[in-house]
Amino acid sequence: MLRIGIAGTGGMGRSRANAFEAIEGVKVIGAFARTAEKAAGFGDSAFTDYAKMLDTVDAVSVCLPNVIHSEYALKALEAGKHVLVE
């Protein structure tokens, strides 16, 4: 099973989470956001600490504002995770 974390909980984050959940063998573990309330409803976990989310997933979909894509993508790559950035 591929465990996915969603970084960002706006429209794109929700769209990606729904798409991943429809794929057999893929599980959305949770999402990262500035507040637990924003991260709730994505998988089983709401993360306000990005490093903690990285510790529990195999891959990350970066759905944050474009200006911070590289910061979060690089952190995930340095943690050895697969990364999707659009």
PDB file of N, CA and C in Angstrom:
ATOM      1  N   MET A   1       0.847  -1.180   0.000  1.00  0.00           N
ATOM      2  CA  MET A   1       0.000   0.000   0.000  1.00  0.00           C
ATOM      3  C   MET A   1       0.889   1.238   0.000  1.00  0.00           C
ATOM      4  N   LEU A   2       0.597   2.170  -0.890  1.00  0.00           N
ATOM      5  CA  LEU A   2       1.301   3.447  -0.962  1.00  0.00           C
ATOM      6  C   LEU A   2       0.570   4.445  -0.080  1.00  0.00           C
ATOM      7  N   ARG A   3       1.295   4.988   0.891  1.00  0.00           N
ATOM      8  CA  ARG A   3       0.711   5.946   1.841  1.00  0.00           C
ATOM      9  C   ARG A   3       1.047   7.366   1.388  1.00  0.00           C
ATOM     10  N   ILE A   4      -0.003   8.156   1.142  1.00  0.00           N
ATOM     11  CA  ILE A   4       0.149   9.522   0.608  1.00  0.00           C
ATOM     12  C   ILE A   4      -0.209  10.553   1.666  1.00  0.00           C
ATOM     13  N   GLY A   5       0.559  11.642   1.685  1.00  0.00           N
ATOM     14  CA  GLY A   5       0.215  12.816   2.478  1.00  0.00           C
ATOM     15  C   GLY A   5      -0.053  13.977   1.539  1.00  0.00           C
ATOM     16  N   ILE A   6      -1.025  14.787   1.891  1.00  0.00           N
ATOM     17  CA  ILE A   6      -1.375  15.959   1.084  1.00  0.00           C
ATOM     18  C   ILE A   6      -0.873  17.197   1.807  1.00  0.00           C
ATOM     19  N   ALA A   7      -0.036  17.988   1.149  1.00  0.00           N
ATOM     20  CA  ALA A   7       0.453  19.236   1.721  1.00  0.00           C
ATOM     21  C   ALA A   7      -0.386  20.365   1.131  1.00  0.00           C
ATOM     22  N   GLY A   8      -1.315  20.876   1.934  1.00  0.00           N
ATOM     23  CA  GLY A   8      -2.223  21.925   1.472  1.00  0.00           C
ATOM     24  C   GLY A   8      -3.635  21.398   1.373  1.00  0.00           C
ATOM     25  N   THR A   9      -4.578  22.179   1.839  1.00  0.00           N
ATOM     26  CA  THR A   9      -5.948  21.685   1.968  1.00  0.00           C
ATOM     27  C   THR A   9      -6.976  22.519   1.206  1.00  0.00           C
ATOM     28  N   GLY A  10      -6.515  23.258   0.220  1.00  0.00           N
ATOM     29  CA  GLY A  10      -7.447  24.022  -0.609  1.00  0.00           C
ATOM     30  C   GLY A  10      -8.099  23.123  -1.652  1.00  0.00           C
ATOM     31  N   GLY A  11      -8.620  23.730  -2.679  1.00  0.00           N
ATOM     32  CA  GLY A  11      -9.321  22.991  -3.721  1.00  0.00           C
ATOM     33  C   GLY A  11      -8.463  21.937  -4.398  1.00  0.00           C
ATOM     34  N   MET A  12      -7.220  22.271  -4.685  1.00  0.00           N
ATOM     35  CA  MET A  12      -6.329  21.306  -5.343  1.00  0.00           C
ATOM     36  C   MET A  12      -6.000  20.155  -4.395  1.00  0.00           C
ATOM     37  N   GLY A  13      -5.788  20.456  -3.127  1.00  0.00           N
ATOM     38  CA  GLY A  13      -5.524  19.393  -2.149  1.00  0.00           C
ATOM     39  C   GLY A  13      -6.684  18.426  -2.047  1.00  0.00           C
ATOM     40  N   ARG A  14      -7.892  18.960  -2.000  1.00  0.00           N
ATOM     41  CA  ARG A  14      -9.093  18.115  -1.923  1.00  0.00           C
ATOM     42  C   ARG A  14      -9.243  17.287  -3.196  1.00  0.00           C
ATOM     43  N   SER A  15      -8.995  17.903  -4.344  1.00  0.00           N
ATOM     44  CA  SER A  15      -9.103  17.192  -5.617  1.00  0.00           C
ATOM     45  C   SER A  15      -8.106  16.038  -5.686  1.00  0.00           C
ATOM     46  N   ARG A  16      -6.864  16.285  -5.295  1.00  0.00           N
ATOM     47  CA  ARG A  16      -5.845  15.240  -5.316  1.00  0.00           C
ATOM     48  C   ARG A  16      -6.181  14.128  -4.320  1.00  0.00           C
ATOM     49  N   ALA A  17      -6.633  14.485  -3.125  1.00  0.00           N
ATOM     50  CA  ALA A  17      -6.995  13.480  -2.122  1.00  0.00           C
ATOM     51  C   ALA A  17      -8.090  12.564  -2.657  1.00  0.00           C
ATOM     52  N   ASN A  18      -9.107  13.139  -3.265  1.00  0.00           N
ATOM     53  CA  ASN A  18     -10.195  12.335  -3.825  1.00  0.00           C
ATOM     54  C   ASN A  18      -9.692  11.417  -4.937  1.00  0.00           C
ATOM     55  N   ALA A  19      -8.815  11.929  -5.783  1.00  0.00           N
ATOM     56  CA  ALA A  19      -8.278  11.121  -6.881  1.00  0.00           C
ATOM     57  C   ALA A  19      -7.431   9.970  -6.345  1.00  0.00           C
ATOM     58  N   PHE A  20      -6.596  10.237  -5.357  1.00  0.00           N
ATOM     59  CA  PHE A  20      -5.761   9.177  -4.787  1.00  0.00           C
ATOM     60  C   PHE A  20      -6.596   8.113  -4.096  1.00  0.00           C
ATOM     61  N   GLU A  21      -7.635   8.518  -3.398  1.00  0.00           N
ATOM     62  CA  GLU A  21      -8.486   7.560  -2.681  1.00  0.00           C
ATOM     63  C   GLU A  21      -9.196   6.605  -3.638  1.00  0.00           C
ATOM     64  N   ALA A  22      -9.340   6.998  -4.895  1.00  0.00           N
ATOM     65  CA  ALA A  22     -10.015   6.156  -5.883  1.00  0.00           C
ATOM     66  C   ALA A  22      -9.081   5.113  -6.494  1.00  0.00           C
ATOM     67  N   ILE A  23      -7.803   5.160  -6.147  1.00  0.00           N
ATOM     68  CA  ILE A  23      -6.822   4.240  -6.718  1.00  0.00           C
ATOM     69  C   ILE A  23      -6.596   3.073  -5.762  1.00  0.00           C
ATOM     70  N   GLU A  24      -6.787   1.871  -6.265  1.00  0.00           N
ATOM     71  CA  GLU A  24      -6.561   0.685  -5.438  1.00  0.00           C
ATOM     72  C   GLU A  24      -5.091   0.620  -5.031  1.00  0.00           C
ATOM     73  N   GLY A  25      -4.840   0.329  -3.768  1.00  0.00           N
ATOM     74  CA  GLY A  25      -3.481   0.224  -3.275  1.00  0.00           C
ATOM     75  C   GLY A  25      -2.884   1.534  -2.801  1.00  0.00           C
ATOM     76  N   VAL A  26      -3.693   2.587  -2.786  1.00  0.00           N
ATOM     77  CA  VAL A  26      -3.239   3.903  -2.328  1.00  0.00           C
ATOM     78  C   VAL A  26      -4.119   4.349  -1.174  1.00  0.00           C
ATOM     79  N   LYS A  27      -3.504   4.909  -0.146  1.00  0.00           N
ATOM     80  CA  LYS A  27      -4.240   5.396   1.030  1.00  0.00           C
ATOM     81  C   LYS A  27      -3.766   6.799   1.362  1.00  0.00           C
ATOM     82  N   VAL A  28      -4.707   7.735   1.436  1.00  0.00           N
ATOM     83  CA  VAL A  28      -4.385   9.082   1.915  1.00  0.00           C
ATOM     84  C   VAL A  28      -4.336   9.006   3.435  1.00  0.00           C
ATOM     85  N   ILE A  29      -3.153   9.207   3.981  1.00  0.00           N
ATOM     86  CA  ILE A  29      -2.941   9.120   5.426  1.00  0.00           C
ATOM     87  C   ILE A  29      -3.478  10.365   6.121  1.00  0.00           C
ATOM     88  N   GLY A  30      -3.266  11.520   5.511  1.00  0.00           N
ATOM     89  CA  GLY A  30      -3.722  12.771   6.099  1.00  0.00           C
ATOM     90  C   GLY A  30      -3.187  13.950   5.325  1.00  0.00           C
ATOM     91  N   ALA A  31      -3.419  15.136   5.885  1.00  0.00           N
ATOM     92  CA  ALA A  31      -2.997  16.362   5.227  1.00  0.00           C
ATOM     93  C   ALA A  31      -2.266  17.269   6.203  1.00  0.00           C
ATOM     94  N   PHE A  32      -1.409  18.115   5.649  1.00  0.00           N
ATOM     95  CA  PHE A  32      -0.691  19.131   6.397  1.00  0.00           C
ATOM     96  C   PHE A  32      -1.316  20.487   6.104  1.00  0.00           C
ATOM     97  N   ALA A  33      -1.559  21.251   7.170  1.00  0.00           N
ATOM     98  CA  ALA A  33      -2.038  22.628   7.045  1.00  0.00           C
ATOM     99  C   ALA A  33      -1.573  23.406   8.281  1.00  0.00           C
ATOM    100  N   ARG A  34      -1.767  24.712   8.253  1.00  0.00           N
ATOM    101  CA  ARG A  34      -1.361  25.542   9.397  1.00  0.00           C
ATOM    102  C   ARG A  34      -2.172  25.252  10.646  1.00  0.00           C
ATOM    103  N   THR A  35      -3.416  24.814  10.483  1.00  0.00           N
ATOM    104  CA  THR A  35      -4.248  24.495  11.646  1.00  0.00           C
ATOM    105  C   THR A  35      -4.841  23.100  11.487  1.00  0.00           C
ATOM    106  N   ALA A  36      -5.088  22.449  12.620  1.00  0.00           N
ATOM    107  CA  ALA A  36      -5.673  21.106  12.590  1.00  0.00           C
ATOM    108  C   ALA A  36      -7.062  21.126  11.973  1.00  0.00           C
ATOM    109  N   GLU A  37      -7.796  22.208  12.170  1.00  0.00           N
ATOM    110  CA  GLU A  37      -9.144  22.311  11.597  1.00  0.00           C
ATOM    111  C   GLU A  37      -9.087  22.266  10.077  1.00  0.00           C
ATOM    112  N   LYS A  38      -8.114  22.958   9.482  1.00  0.00           N
ATOM    113  CA  LYS A  38      -7.988  22.950   8.024  1.00  0.00           C
ATOM    114  C   LYS A  38      -7.537  21.587   7.506  1.00  0.00           C
ATOM    115  N   ALA A  39      -6.721  20.893   8.291  1.00  0.00           N
ATOM    116  CA  ALA A  39      -6.188  19.605   7.855  1.00  0.00           C
ATOM    117  C   ALA A  39      -7.144  18.443   8.111  1.00  0.00           C
ATOM    118  N   ALA A  40      -8.171  18.664   8.881  1.00  0.00           N
ATOM    119  CA  ALA A  40      -9.130  17.595   9.205  1.00  0.00           C
ATOM    120  C   ALA A  40      -9.897  17.165   7.956  1.00  0.00           C
ATOM    121  N   GLY A  41     -10.275  15.904   7.923  1.00  0.00           N
ATOM    122  CA  GLY A  41     -11.110  15.401   6.841  1.00  0.00           C
ATOM    123  C   GLY A  41     -10.338  14.826   5.670  1.00  0.00           C
ATOM    124  N   PHE A  42      -9.013  14.774   5.767  1.00  0.00           N
ATOM    125  CA  PHE A  42      -8.175  14.163   4.742  1.00  0.00           C
ATOM    126  C   PHE A  42      -7.567  12.915   5.369  1.00  0.00           C
ATOM    127  N   GLY A  43      -8.053  11.761   5.044  1.00  0.00           N
ATOM    128  CA  GLY A  43      -7.527  10.548   5.639  1.00  0.00           C
ATOM    129  C   GLY A  43      -7.822  10.501   7.136  1.00  0.00           C
ATOM    130  N   ASP A  44      -6.964   9.814   7.865  1.00  0.00           N
ATOM    131  CA  ASP A  44      -7.176   9.625   9.298  1.00  0.00           C
ATOM    132  C   ASP A  44      -6.463  10.652  10.164  1.00  0.00           C
ATOM    133  N   SER A  45      -5.542  11.419   9.598  1.00  0.00           N
ATOM    134  CA  SER A  45      -4.699  12.296  10.407  1.00  0.00           C
ATOM    135  C   SER A  45      -4.689  13.721   9.887  1.00  0.00           C
ATOM    136  N   ALA A  46      -4.632  14.660  10.833  1.00  0.00           N
ATOM    137  CA  ALA A  46      -4.494  16.079  10.524  1.00  0.00           C
ATOM    138  C   ALA A  46      -3.137  16.521  11.067  1.00  0.00           C
ATOM    139  N   PHE A  47      -2.264  17.001  10.202  1.00  0.00           N
ATOM    140  CA  PHE A  47      -0.910  17.374  10.593  1.00  0.00           C
ATOM    141  C   PHE A  47      -0.714  18.887  10.546  1.00  0.00           C
ATOM    142  N   THR A  48      -0.160  19.434  11.607  1.00  0.00           N
ATOM    143  CA  THR A  48       0.279  20.832  11.602  1.00  0.00           C
ATOM    144  C   THR A  48       1.801  20.890  11.632  1.00  0.00           C
ATOM    145  N   ASP A  49       2.434  19.736  11.696  1.00  0.00           N
ATOM    146  CA  ASP A  49       3.893  19.605  11.654  1.00  0.00           C
ATOM    147  C   ASP A  49       4.241  18.784  10.412  1.00  0.00           C
ATOM    148  N   TYR A  50       4.841  19.431   9.433  1.00  0.00           N
ATOM    149  CA  TYR A  50       5.148  18.774   8.157  1.00  0.00           C
ATOM    150  C   TYR A  50       6.094  17.596   8.348  1.00  0.00           C
ATOM    151  N   ALA A  51       7.097  17.745   9.214  1.00  0.00           N
ATOM    152  CA  ALA A  51       8.046  16.662   9.451  1.00  0.00           C
ATOM    153  C   ALA A  51       7.353  15.422   9.996  1.00  0.00           C
ATOM    154  N   LYS A  52       6.371  15.603  10.847  1.00  0.00           N
ATOM    155  CA  LYS A  52       5.634  14.451  11.386  1.00  0.00           C
ATOM    156  C   LYS A  52       4.851  13.752  10.288  1.00  0.00           C
ATOM    157  N   MET A  53       4.268  14.533   9.373  1.00  0.00           N
ATOM    158  CA  MET A  53       3.570  13.907   8.264  1.00  0.00           C
ATOM    159  C   MET A  53       4.560  13.112   7.416  1.00  0.00           C
ATOM    160  N   LEU A  54       5.721  13.688   7.153  1.00  0.00           N
ATOM    161  CA  LEU A  54       6.720  12.992   6.337  1.00  0.00           C
ATOM    162  C   LEU A  54       7.152  11.679   6.973  1.00  0.00           C
ATOM    163  N   ASP A  55       7.142  11.615   8.287  1.00  0.00           N
ATOM    164  CA  ASP A  55       7.518  10.382   8.984  1.00  0.00           C
ATOM    165  C   ASP A  55       6.515   9.254   8.787  1.00  0.00           C
ATOM    166  N   THR A  56       5.293   9.566   8.335  1.00  0.00           N
ATOM    167  CA  THR A  56       4.247   8.548   8.260  1.00  0.00           C
ATOM    168  C   THR A  56       3.802   8.202   6.836  1.00  0.00           C
ATOM    169  N   VAL A  57       4.400   8.831   5.832  1.00  0.00           N
ATOM    170  CA  VAL A  57       3.953   8.607   4.451  1.00  0.00           C
ATOM    171  C   VAL A  57       5.101   8.132   3.570  1.00  0.00           C
ATOM    172  N   ASP A  58       4.727   7.599   2.414  1.00  0.00           N
ATOM    173  CA  ASP A  58       5.697   7.191   1.392  1.00  0.00           C
ATOM    174  C   ASP A  58       5.851   8.266   0.323  1.00  0.00           C
ATOM    175  N   ALA A  59       4.805   9.072   0.160  1.00  0.00           N
ATOM    176  CA  ALA A  59       4.782  10.078  -0.904  1.00  0.00           C
ATOM    177  C   ALA A  59       3.967  11.292  -0.459  1.00  0.00           C
ATOM    178  N   VAL A  60       4.264  12.417  -1.101  1.00  0.00           N
ATOM    179  CA  VAL A  60       3.579  13.678  -0.778  1.00  0.00           C
ATOM    180  C   VAL A  60       3.098  14.328  -2.068  1.00  0.00           C
ATOM    181  N   SER A  61       1.885  14.844  -2.033  1.00  0.00           N
ATOM    182  CA  SER A  61       1.383  15.689  -3.108  1.00  0.00           C
ATOM    183  C   SER A  61       1.393  17.121  -2.585  1.00  0.00           C
ATOM    184  N   VAL A  62       2.229  17.969  -3.185  1.00  0.00           N
ATOM    185  CA  VAL A  62       2.366  19.354  -2.735  1.00  0.00           C
ATOM    186  C   VAL A  62       1.304  20.202  -3.436  1.00  0.00           C
ATOM    187  N   CYS A  63       0.331  20.651  -2.653  1.00  0.00           N
ATOM    188  CA  CYS A  63      -0.795  21.441  -3.164  1.00  0.00           C
ATOM    189  C   CYS A  63      -0.856  22.780  -2.427  1.00  0.00           C
ATOM    190  N   LEU A  64       0.298  23.343  -2.199  1.00  0.00           N
ATOM    191  CA  LEU A  64       0.427  24.624  -1.499  1.00  0.00           C
ATOM    192  C   LEU A  64       0.582  25.739  -2.529  1.00  0.00           C
ATOM    193  N   PRO A  65       0.576  27.002  -2.111  1.00  0.00           N
ATOM    194  CA  PRO A  65       0.809  28.093  -3.063  1.00  0.00           C
ATOM    195  C   PRO A  65       2.138  27.907  -3.811  1.00  0.00           C
ATOM    196  N   ASN A  66       2.148  28.244  -5.075  1.00  0.00           N
ATOM    197  CA  ASN A  66       3.314  28.032  -5.932  1.00  0.00           C
ATOM    198  C   ASN A  66       4.603  28.583  -5.347  1.00  0.00           C
ATOM    199  N   VAL A  67       4.541  29.699  -4.685  1.00  0.00           N
ATOM    200  CA  VAL A  67       5.745  30.354  -4.179  1.00  0.00           C
ATOM    201  C   VAL A  67       6.473  29.518  -3.121  1.00  0.00           C
ATOM    202  N   ILE A  68       5.802  28.564  -2.485  1.00  0.00           N
ATOM    203  CA  ILE A  68       6.460  27.719  -1.487  1.00  0.00           C
ATOM    204  C   ILE A  68       6.555  26.248  -1.918  1.00  0.00           C
ATOM    205  N   HIS A  69       6.251  25.956  -3.166  1.00  0.00           N
ATOM    206  CA  HIS A  69       6.368  24.582  -3.670  1.00  0.00           C
ATOM    207  C   HIS A  69       7.753  24.011  -3.427  1.00  0.00           C
ATOM    208  N   SER A  70       8.774  24.740  -3.830  1.00  0.00           N
ATOM    209  CA  SER A  70      10.131  24.186  -3.756  1.00  0.00           C
ATOM    210  C   SER A  70      10.540  23.892  -2.323  1.00  0.00           C
ATOM    211  N   GLU A  71      10.205  24.746  -1.389  1.00  0.00           N
ATOM    212  CA  GLU A  71      10.563  24.532   0.016  1.00  0.00           C
ATOM    213  C   GLU A  71      10.020  23.201   0.531  1.00  0.00           C
ATOM    214  N   TYR A  72       8.747  22.957   0.279  1.00  0.00           N
ATOM    215  CA  TYR A  72       8.112  21.744   0.791  1.00  0.00           C
ATOM    216  C   TYR A  72       8.481  20.513  -0.028  1.00  0.00           C
ATOM    217  N   ALA A  73       8.639  20.671  -1.326  1.00  0.00           N
ATOM    218  CA  ALA A  73       9.062  19.548  -2.159  1.00  0.00           C
ATOM    219  C   ALA A  73      10.472  19.095  -1.786  1.00  0.00           C
ATOM    220  N   LEU A  74      11.372  20.035  -1.576  1.00  0.00           N
ATOM    221  CA  LEU A  74      12.739  19.686  -1.201  1.00  0.00           C
ATOM    222  C   LEU A  74      12.795  18.978   0.150  1.00  0.00           C
ATOM    223  N   LYS A  75      12.007  19.432   1.110  1.00  0.00           N
ATOM    224  CA  LYS A  75      11.973  18.762   2.414  1.00  0.00           C
ATOM    225  C   LYS A  75      11.528  17.309   2.254  1.00  0.00           C
ATOM    226  N   ALA A  76      10.526  17.090   1.427  1.00  0.00           N
ATOM    227  CA  ALA A  76      10.032  15.729   1.209  1.00  0.00           C
ATOM    228  C   ALA A  76      11.072  14.880   0.481  1.00  0.00           C
ATOM    229  N   LEU A  77      11.716  15.436  -0.524  1.00  0.00           N
ATOM    230  CA  LEU A  77      12.752  14.703  -1.245  1.00  0.00           C
ATOM    231  C   LEU A  77      13.919  14.363  -0.329  1.00  0.00           C
ATOM    232  N   GLU A  78      14.324  15.310   0.504  1.00  0.00           N
ATOM    233  CA  GLU A  78      15.415  15.061   1.447  1.00  0.00           C
ATOM    234  C   GLU A  78      15.051  13.968   2.453  1.00  0.00           C
ATOM    235  N   ALA A  79      13.747  13.815   2.726  1.00  0.00           N
ATOM    236  CA  ALA A  79      13.281  12.756   3.625  1.00  0.00           C
ATOM    237  C   ALA A  79      13.109  11.428   2.886  1.00  0.00           C
ATOM    238  N   GLY A  80      13.433  11.396   1.596  1.00  0.00           N
ATOM    239  CA  GLY A  80      13.363  10.169   0.816  1.00  0.00           C
ATOM    240  C   GLY A  80      11.971   9.821   0.320  1.00  0.00           C
ATOM    241  N   LYS A  81      11.099  10.809   0.222  1.00  0.00           N
ATOM    242  CA  LYS A  81       9.720  10.572  -0.207  1.00  0.00           C
ATOM    243  C   LYS A  81       9.565  10.816  -1.709  1.00  0.00           C
ATOM    244  N   HIS A  82       8.583  10.138  -2.299  1.00  0.00           N
ATOM    245  CA  HIS A  82       8.157  10.453  -3.656  1.00  0.00           C
ATOM    246  C   HIS A  82       7.356  11.749  -3.577  1.00  0.00           C
ATOM    247  N   VAL A  83       7.457  12.594  -4.599  1.00  0.00           N
ATOM    248  CA  VAL A  83       6.817  13.899  -4.548  1.00  0.00           C
ATOM    249  C   VAL A  83       6.107  14.205  -5.860  1.00  0.00           C
ATOM    250  N   LEU A  84       4.867  14.674  -5.737  1.00  0.00           N
ATOM    251  CA  LEU A  84       4.104  15.190  -6.874  1.00  0.00           C
ATOM    252  C   LEU A  84       3.905  16.677  -6.628  1.00  0.00           C
ATOM    253  N   VAL A  85       4.373  17.485  -7.576  1.00  0.00           N
ATOM    254  CA  VAL A  85       4.200  18.937  -7.497  1.00  0.00           C
ATOM    255  C   VAL A  85       3.605  19.397  -8.804  1.00  0.00           C
ATOM    256  N   GLU A  86       2.514  20.160  -8.737  1.00  0.00           N
ATOM    257  CA  GLU A  86       1.905  20.675  -9.959  1.00  0.00           C
ATOM    258  C   GLU A  86       1.877  22.184  -9.918  1.00  0.00           C
TER     259      GLU A  86
END
